[in-house]
Amino acid sequence: MPRYEFRCRACGDTFEVNRPMAEAGAPATCPQGHIDTVKLLSAVSVTGRGAGGAQAPAGGGGCCGGACGC
């Protein structure tokens, strides 16, 4: 089940809630009982090698394969 991170605007506490994806946008109450909370954007970092030890080619990539110079 996905885990969503929230921050309470009243007390500043950051907390996590496990809930189904269908309820991702539902409001959450902080552990202190405050209802003024905001869902945080979580960044996921995945590293390592895929099956068979394959790696992405070095020296290029980026958002569009390196062709745009970004």
PDB file of N, CA and C in Angstrom:
ATOM      1  N   MET A   1       0.854  -1.174   0.000  1.00  0.00           N
ATOM      2  CA  MET A   1       0.000   0.000   0.000  1.00  0.00           C
ATOM      3  C   MET A   1       0.898   1.235   0.000  1.00  0.00           C
ATOM      4  N   PRO A   2       0.604   2.225  -0.820  1.00  0.00           N
ATOM      5  CA  PRO A   2       1.445   3.424  -0.892  1.00  0.00           C
ATOM      6  C   PRO A   2       1.451   4.215   0.407  1.00  0.00           C
ATOM      7  N   ARG A   3       2.557   4.886   0.635  1.00  0.00           N
ATOM      8  CA  ARG A   3       2.731   5.726   1.822  1.00  0.00           C
ATOM      9  C   ARG A   3       2.814   7.174   1.356  1.00  0.00           C
ATOM     10  N   TYR A   4       2.013   8.042   1.962  1.00  0.00           N
ATOM     11  CA  TYR A   4       1.971   9.454   1.605  1.00  0.00           C
ATOM     12  C   TYR A   4       2.437  10.285   2.791  1.00  0.00           C
ATOM     13  N   GLU A   5       3.215  11.321   2.508  1.00  0.00           N
ATOM     14  CA  GLU A   5       3.754  12.169   3.553  1.00  0.00           C
ATOM     15  C   GLU A   5       2.961  13.480   3.604  1.00  0.00           C
ATOM     16  N   PHE A   6       2.634  13.905   4.806  1.00  0.00           N
ATOM     17  CA  PHE A   6       1.871  15.124   5.040  1.00  0.00           C
ATOM     18  C   PHE A   6       2.618  16.001   6.032  1.00  0.00           C
ATOM     19  N   ARG A   7       2.321  17.314   5.993  1.00  0.00           N
ATOM     20  CA  ARG A   7       2.841  18.247   6.989  1.00  0.00           C
ATOM     21  C   ARG A   7       1.668  19.029   7.550  1.00  0.00           C
ATOM     22  N   CYS A   8       1.663  19.176   8.864  1.00  0.00           N
ATOM     23  CA  CYS A   8       0.617  19.929   9.553  1.00  0.00           C
ATOM     24  C   CYS A   8       0.988  21.408   9.539  1.00  0.00           C
ATOM     25  N   ARG A   9       0.076  22.236   9.083  1.00  0.00           N
ATOM     26  CA  ARG A   9       0.331  23.681   9.049  1.00  0.00           C
ATOM     27  C   ARG A   9       0.223  24.308  10.436  1.00  0.00           C
ATOM     28  N   ALA A  10      -0.494  23.665  11.333  1.00  0.00           N
ATOM     29  CA  ALA A  10      -0.688  24.218  12.674  1.00  0.00           C
ATOM     30  C   ALA A  10       0.532  23.999  13.570  1.00  0.00           C
ATOM     31  N   CYS A  11       1.067  22.770  13.586  1.00  0.00           N
ATOM     32  CA  CYS A  11       2.175  22.476  14.497  1.00  0.00           C
ATOM     33  C   CYS A  11       3.498  22.192  13.783  1.00  0.00           C
ATOM     34  N   GLY A  12       3.476  22.038  12.448  1.00  0.00           N
ATOM     35  CA  GLY A  12       4.703  21.792  11.695  1.00  0.00           C
ATOM     36  C   GLY A  12       5.149  20.349  11.672  1.00  0.00           C
ATOM     37  N   ASP A  13       4.398  19.458  12.302  1.00  0.00           N
ATOM     38  CA  ASP A  13       4.749  18.046  12.339  1.00  0.00           C
ATOM     39  C   ASP A  13       4.647  17.441  10.939  1.00  0.00           C
ATOM     40  N   THR A  14       5.578  16.567  10.583  1.00  0.00           N
ATOM     41  CA  THR A  14       5.531  15.817   9.333  1.00  0.00           C
ATOM     42  C   THR A  14       5.225  14.369   9.687  1.00  0.00           C
ATOM     43  N   PHE A  15       4.279  13.770   8.969  1.00  0.00           N
ATOM     44  CA  PHE A  15       3.857  12.404   9.279  1.00  0.00           C
ATOM     45  C   PHE A  15       3.492  11.677   8.003  1.00  0.00           C
ATOM     46  N   GLU A  16       3.443  10.358   8.094  1.00  0.00           N
ATOM     47  CA  GLU A  16       3.120   9.516   6.939  1.00  0.00           C
ATOM     48  C   GLU A  16       1.812   8.781   7.167  1.00  0.00           C
ATOM     49  N   VAL A  17       1.096   8.549   6.049  1.00  0.00           N
ATOM     50  CA  VAL A  17      -0.172   7.824   6.091  1.00  0.00           C
ATOM     51  C   VAL A  17      -0.137   6.754   5.007  1.00  0.00           C
ATOM     52  N   ASN A  18      -0.446   5.517   5.362  1.00  0.00           N
ATOM     53  CA  ASN A  18      -0.590   4.435   4.387  1.00  0.00           C
ATOM     54  C   ASN A  18      -2.050   4.367   3.985  1.00  0.00           C
ATOM     55  N   ARG A  19      -2.290   4.441   2.664  1.00  0.00           N
ATOM     56  CA  ARG A  19      -3.671   4.365   2.177  1.00  0.00           C
ATOM     57  C   ARG A  19      -3.657   3.944   0.722  1.00  0.00           C
ATOM     58  N   PRO A  20      -4.789   3.427   0.231  1.00  0.00           N
ATOM     59  CA  PRO A  20      -4.869   3.038  -1.182  1.00  0.00           C
ATOM     60  C   PRO A  20      -4.697   4.241  -2.101  1.00  0.00           C
ATOM     61  N   MET A  21      -4.228   3.990  -3.328  1.00  0.00           N
ATOM     62  CA  MET A  21      -4.027   5.075  -4.296  1.00  0.00           C
ATOM     63  C   MET A  21      -5.328   5.815  -4.586  1.00  0.00           C
ATOM     64  N   ALA A  22      -6.445   5.124  -4.510  1.00  0.00           N
ATOM     65  CA  ALA A  22      -7.746   5.758  -4.767  1.00  0.00           C
ATOM     66  C   ALA A  22      -8.051   6.846  -3.738  1.00  0.00           C
ATOM     67  N   GLU A  23      -7.398   6.809  -2.579  1.00  0.00           N
ATOM     68  CA  GLU A  23      -7.613   7.791  -1.518  1.00  0.00           C
ATOM     69  C   GLU A  23      -6.433   8.743  -1.362  1.00  0.00           C
ATOM     70  N   ALA A  24      -5.563   8.822  -2.374  1.00  0.00           N
ATOM     71  CA  ALA A  24      -4.348   9.632  -2.292  1.00  0.00           C
ATOM     72  C   ALA A  24      -4.636  11.100  -2.008  1.00  0.00           C
ATOM     73  N   GLY A  25      -5.687  11.645  -2.565  1.00  0.00           N
ATOM     74  CA  GLY A  25      -5.997  13.061  -2.399  1.00  0.00           C
ATOM     75  C   GLY A  25      -6.842  13.392  -1.187  1.00  0.00           C
ATOM     76  N   ALA A  26      -7.235  12.391  -0.429  1.00  0.00           N
ATOM     77  CA  ALA A  26      -8.088  12.625   0.740  1.00  0.00           C
ATOM     78  C   ALA A  26      -7.311  13.374   1.826  1.00  0.00           C
ATOM     79  N   PRO A  27      -7.970  14.253   2.570  1.00  0.00           N
ATOM     80  CA  PRO A  27      -7.287  14.972   3.649  1.00  0.00           C
ATOM     81  C   PRO A  27      -6.846  14.020   4.758  1.00  0.00           C
ATOM     82  N   ALA A  28      -5.840  14.440   5.513  1.00  0.00           N
ATOM     83  CA  ALA A  28      -5.342  13.637   6.633  1.00  0.00           C
ATOM     84  C   ALA A  28      -5.264  14.516   7.871  1.00  0.00           C
ATOM     85  N   THR A  29      -5.545  13.947   9.013  1.00  0.00           N
ATOM     86  CA  THR A  29      -5.445  14.640  10.295  1.00  0.00           C
ATOM     87  C   THR A  29      -4.097  14.312  10.908  1.00  0.00           C
ATOM     88  N   CYS A  30      -3.388  15.310  11.418  1.00  0.00           N
ATOM     89  CA  CYS A  30      -2.076  15.065  12.014  1.00  0.00           C
ATOM     90  C   CYS A  30      -2.234  14.298  13.322  1.00  0.00           C
ATOM     91  N   PRO A  31      -1.158  13.655  13.793  1.00  0.00           N
ATOM     92  CA  PRO A  31      -1.226  12.886  15.044  1.00  0.00           C
ATOM     93  C   PRO A  31      -1.635  13.725  16.255  1.00  0.00           C
ATOM     94  N   GLN A  32      -1.460  15.045  16.182  1.00  0.00           N
ATOM     95  CA  GLN A  32      -1.850  15.929  17.285  1.00  0.00           C
ATOM     96  C   GLN A  32      -3.321  16.330  17.210  1.00  0.00           C
ATOM     97  N   GLY A  33      -4.013  15.903  16.112  1.00  0.00           N
ATOM     98  CA  GLY A  33      -5.436  16.189  15.977  1.00  0.00           C
ATOM     99  C   GLY A  33      -5.781  17.385  15.099  1.00  0.00           C
ATOM    100  N   HIS A  34      -4.785  18.068  14.550  1.00  0.00           N
ATOM    101  CA  HIS A  34      -5.049  19.223  13.684  1.00  0.00           C
ATOM    102  C   HIS A  34      -5.510  18.745  12.305  1.00  0.00           C
ATOM    103  N   ILE A  35      -6.389  19.532  11.689  1.00  0.00           N
ATOM    104  CA  ILE A  35      -6.913  19.124  10.383  1.00  0.00           C
ATOM    105  C   ILE A  35      -6.337  19.939   9.227  1.00  0.00           C
ATOM    106  N   ASP A  36      -5.581  21.001   9.517  1.00  0.00           N
ATOM    107  CA  ASP A  36      -4.999  21.834   8.464  1.00  0.00           C
ATOM    108  C   ASP A  36      -3.662  21.235   8.032  1.00  0.00           C
ATOM    109  N   THR A  37      -3.728  20.252   7.125  1.00  0.00           N
ATOM    110  CA  THR A  37      -2.523  19.574   6.667  1.00  0.00           C
ATOM    111  C   THR A  37      -2.396  19.680   5.157  1.00  0.00           C
ATOM    112  N   VAL A  38      -1.180  19.464   4.665  1.00  0.00           N
ATOM    113  CA  VAL A  38      -0.909  19.508   3.237  1.00  0.00           C
ATOM    114  C   VAL A  38      -0.084  18.272   2.867  1.00  0.00           C
ATOM    115  N   LYS A  39      -0.436  17.665   1.733  1.00  0.00           N
ATOM    116  CA  LYS A  39       0.303  16.498   1.251  1.00  0.00           C
ATOM    117  C   LYS A  39       1.595  16.973   0.611  1.00  0.00           C
ATOM    118  N   LEU A  40       2.705  16.326   0.948  1.00  0.00           N
ATOM    119  CA  LEU A  40       4.010  16.684   0.414  1.00  0.00           C
ATOM    120  C   LEU A  40       4.325  15.870  -0.821  1.00  0.00           C
ATOM    121  N   LEU A  41       5.108  16.435  -1.691  1.00  0.00           N
ATOM    122  CA  LEU A  41       5.570  15.736  -2.877  1.00  0.00           C
ATOM    123  C   LEU A  41       6.791  14.924  -2.484  1.00  0.00           C
ATOM    124  N   SER A  42       6.742  13.636  -2.691  1.00  0.00           N
ATOM    125  CA  SER A  42       7.853  12.765  -2.352  1.00  0.00           C
ATOM    126  C   SER A  42       8.614  12.404  -3.609  1.00  0.00           C
ATOM    127  N   ALA A  43       9.916  12.520  -3.544  1.00  0.00           N
ATOM    128  CA  ALA A  43      10.776  12.125  -4.665  1.00  0.00           C
ATOM    129  C   ALA A  43      11.301  10.726  -4.394  1.00  0.00           C
ATOM    130  N   VAL A  44      11.247   9.886  -5.391  1.00  0.00           N
ATOM    131  CA  VAL A  44      11.725   8.519  -5.255  1.00  0.00           C
ATOM    132  C   VAL A  44      13.001   8.386  -6.051  1.00  0.00           C
ATOM    133  N   SER A  45      14.010   7.805  -5.442  1.00  0.00           N
ATOM    134  CA  SER A  45      15.279   7.591  -6.124  1.00  0.00           C
ATOM    135  C   SER A  45      15.492   6.099  -6.266  1.00  0.00           C
ATOM    136  N   VAL A  46      15.687   5.673  -7.493  1.00  0.00           N
ATOM    137  CA  VAL A  46      15.934   4.263  -7.754  1.00  0.00           C
ATOM    138  C   VAL A  46      17.296   4.162  -8.415  1.00  0.00           C
ATOM    139  N   THR A  47      18.165   3.377  -7.808  1.00  0.00           N
ATOM    140  CA  THR A  47      19.499   3.194  -8.371  1.00  0.00           C
ATOM    141  C   THR A  47      19.814   1.712  -8.450  1.00  0.00           C
ATOM    142  N   GLY A  48      20.852   1.402  -9.144  1.00  0.00           N
ATOM    143  CA  GLY A  48      21.273   0.014  -9.241  1.00  0.00           C
ATOM    144  C   GLY A  48      21.199  -0.475 -10.666  1.00  0.00           C
ATOM    145  N   ARG A  49      21.463  -1.741 -10.818  1.00  0.00           N
ATOM    146  CA  ARG A  49      21.471  -2.354 -12.132  1.00  0.00           C
ATOM    147  C   ARG A  49      20.200  -3.144 -12.356  1.00  0.00           C
ATOM    148  N   GLY A  50      19.769  -3.142 -13.570  1.00  0.00           N
ATOM    149  CA  GLY A  50      18.588  -3.920 -13.935  1.00  0.00           C
ATOM    150  C   GLY A  50      18.955  -5.382 -14.112  1.00  0.00           C
ATOM    151  N   ALA A  51      18.032  -6.161 -14.599  1.00  0.00           N
ATOM    152  CA  ALA A  51      18.254  -7.585 -14.810  1.00  0.00           C
ATOM    153  C   ALA A  51      19.419  -7.785 -15.772  1.00  0.00           C
ATOM    154  N   GLY A  52      20.283  -8.727 -15.469  1.00  0.00           N
ATOM    155  CA  GLY A  52      21.409  -9.043 -16.341  1.00  0.00           C
ATOM    156  C   GLY A  52      22.565  -8.076 -16.218  1.00  0.00           C
ATOM    157  N   GLY A  53      22.524  -7.164 -15.244  1.00  0.00           N
ATOM    158  CA  GLY A  53      23.623  -6.244 -15.026  1.00  0.00           C
ATOM    159  C   GLY A  53      23.700  -5.113 -16.035  1.00  0.00           C
ATOM    160  N   ALA A  54      22.648  -4.871 -16.802  1.00  0.00           N
ATOM    161  CA  ALA A  54      22.669  -3.807 -17.799  1.00  0.00           C
ATOM    162  C   ALA A  54      22.670  -2.450 -17.128  1.00  0.00           C
ATOM    163  N   GLN A  55      23.411  -1.517 -17.712  1.00  0.00           N
ATOM    164  CA  GLN A  55      23.452  -0.160 -17.209  1.00  0.00           C
ATOM    165  C   GLN A  55      23.111   0.798 -18.330  1.00  0.00           C
ATOM    166  N   ALA A  56      22.645   1.987 -17.943  1.00  0.00           N
ATOM    167  CA  ALA A  56      22.380   3.024 -18.936  1.00  0.00           C
ATOM    168  C   ALA A  56      23.708   3.485 -19.521  1.00  0.00           C
ATOM    169  N   PRO A  57      23.746   3.844 -20.797  1.00  0.00           N
ATOM    170  CA  PRO A  57      24.990   4.315 -21.392  1.00  0.00           C
ATOM    171  C   PRO A  57      25.464   5.613 -20.745  1.00  0.00           C
ATOM    172  N   ALA A  58      26.771   5.767 -20.629  1.00  0.00           N
ATOM    173  CA  ALA A  58      27.344   6.954 -20.006  1.00  0.00           C
ATOM    174  C   ALA A  58      27.484   8.080 -21.028  1.00  0.00           C
ATOM    175  N   GLY A  59      27.514   9.320 -20.502  1.00  0.00           N
ATOM    176  CA  GLY A  59      27.821  10.460 -21.345  1.00  0.00           C
ATOM    177  C   GLY A  59      26.671  11.026 -22.147  1.00  0.00           C
ATOM    178  N   GLY A  60      25.499  10.816 -21.780  1.00  0.00           N
ATOM    179  CA  GLY A  60      24.368  11.367 -22.513  1.00  0.00           C
ATOM    180  C   GLY A  60      23.140  11.283 -21.641  1.00  0.00           C
ATOM    181  N   GLY A  61      22.022  11.401 -22.230  1.00  0.00           N
ATOM    182  CA  GLY A  61      20.791  11.237 -21.465  1.00  0.00           C
ATOM    183  C   GLY A  61      20.179  12.574 -21.170  1.00  0.00           C
ATOM    184  N   GLY A  62      19.769  12.730 -19.943  1.00  0.00           N
ATOM    185  CA  GLY A  62      19.052  13.938 -19.585  1.00  0.00           C
ATOM    186  C   GLY A  62      17.596  13.794 -19.994  1.00  0.00           C
ATOM    187  N   CYS A  63      16.930  14.902 -20.126  1.00  0.00           N
ATOM    188  CA  CYS A  63      15.493  14.867 -20.379  1.00  0.00           C
ATOM    189  C   CYS A  63      15.146  14.395 -21.785  1.00  0.00           C
ATOM    190  N   CYS A  64      16.064  14.599 -22.735  1.00  0.00           N
ATOM    191  CA  CYS A  64      15.710  14.251 -24.097  1.00  0.00           C
ATOM    192  C   CYS A  64      16.889  13.590 -24.835  1.00  0.00           C
ATOM    193  N   GLY A  65      17.686  12.833 -24.110  1.00  0.00           N
ATOM    194  CA  GLY A  65      18.789  12.137 -24.733  1.00  0.00           C
ATOM    195  C   GLY A  65      19.997  12.993 -25.000  1.00  0.00           C
ATOM    196  N   GLY A  66      20.036  14.193 -24.458  1.00  0.00           N
ATOM    197  CA  GLY A  66      21.194  15.060 -24.609  1.00  0.00           C
ATOM    198  C   GLY A  66      21.176  15.933 -25.849  1.00  0.00           C
ATOM    199  N   ALA A  67      20.180  15.814 -26.704  1.00  0.00           N
ATOM    200  CA  ALA A  67      20.147  16.579 -27.951  1.00  0.00           C
ATOM    201  C   ALA A  67      19.789  18.040 -27.747  1.00  0.00           C
ATOM    202  N   CYS A  68      19.112  18.374 -26.654  1.00  0.00           N
ATOM    203  CA  CYS A  68      18.662  19.755 -26.481  1.00  0.00           C
ATOM    204  C   CYS A  68      19.667  20.608 -25.716  1.00  0.00           C
ATOM    205  N   GLY A  69      20.712  20.013 -25.178  1.00  0.00           N
ATOM    206  CA  GLY A  69      21.724  20.763 -24.455  1.00  0.00           C
ATOM    207  C   GLY A  69      21.293  21.205 -23.071  1.00  0.00           C
ATOM    208  N   CYS A  70      20.295  20.544 -22.507  1.00  0.00           N
ATOM    209  CA  CYS A  70      19.815  20.952 -21.188  1.00  0.00           C
ATOM    210  C   CYS A  70      20.609  20.346 -20.071  1.00  0.00           C
TER     211      CYS A  70
END
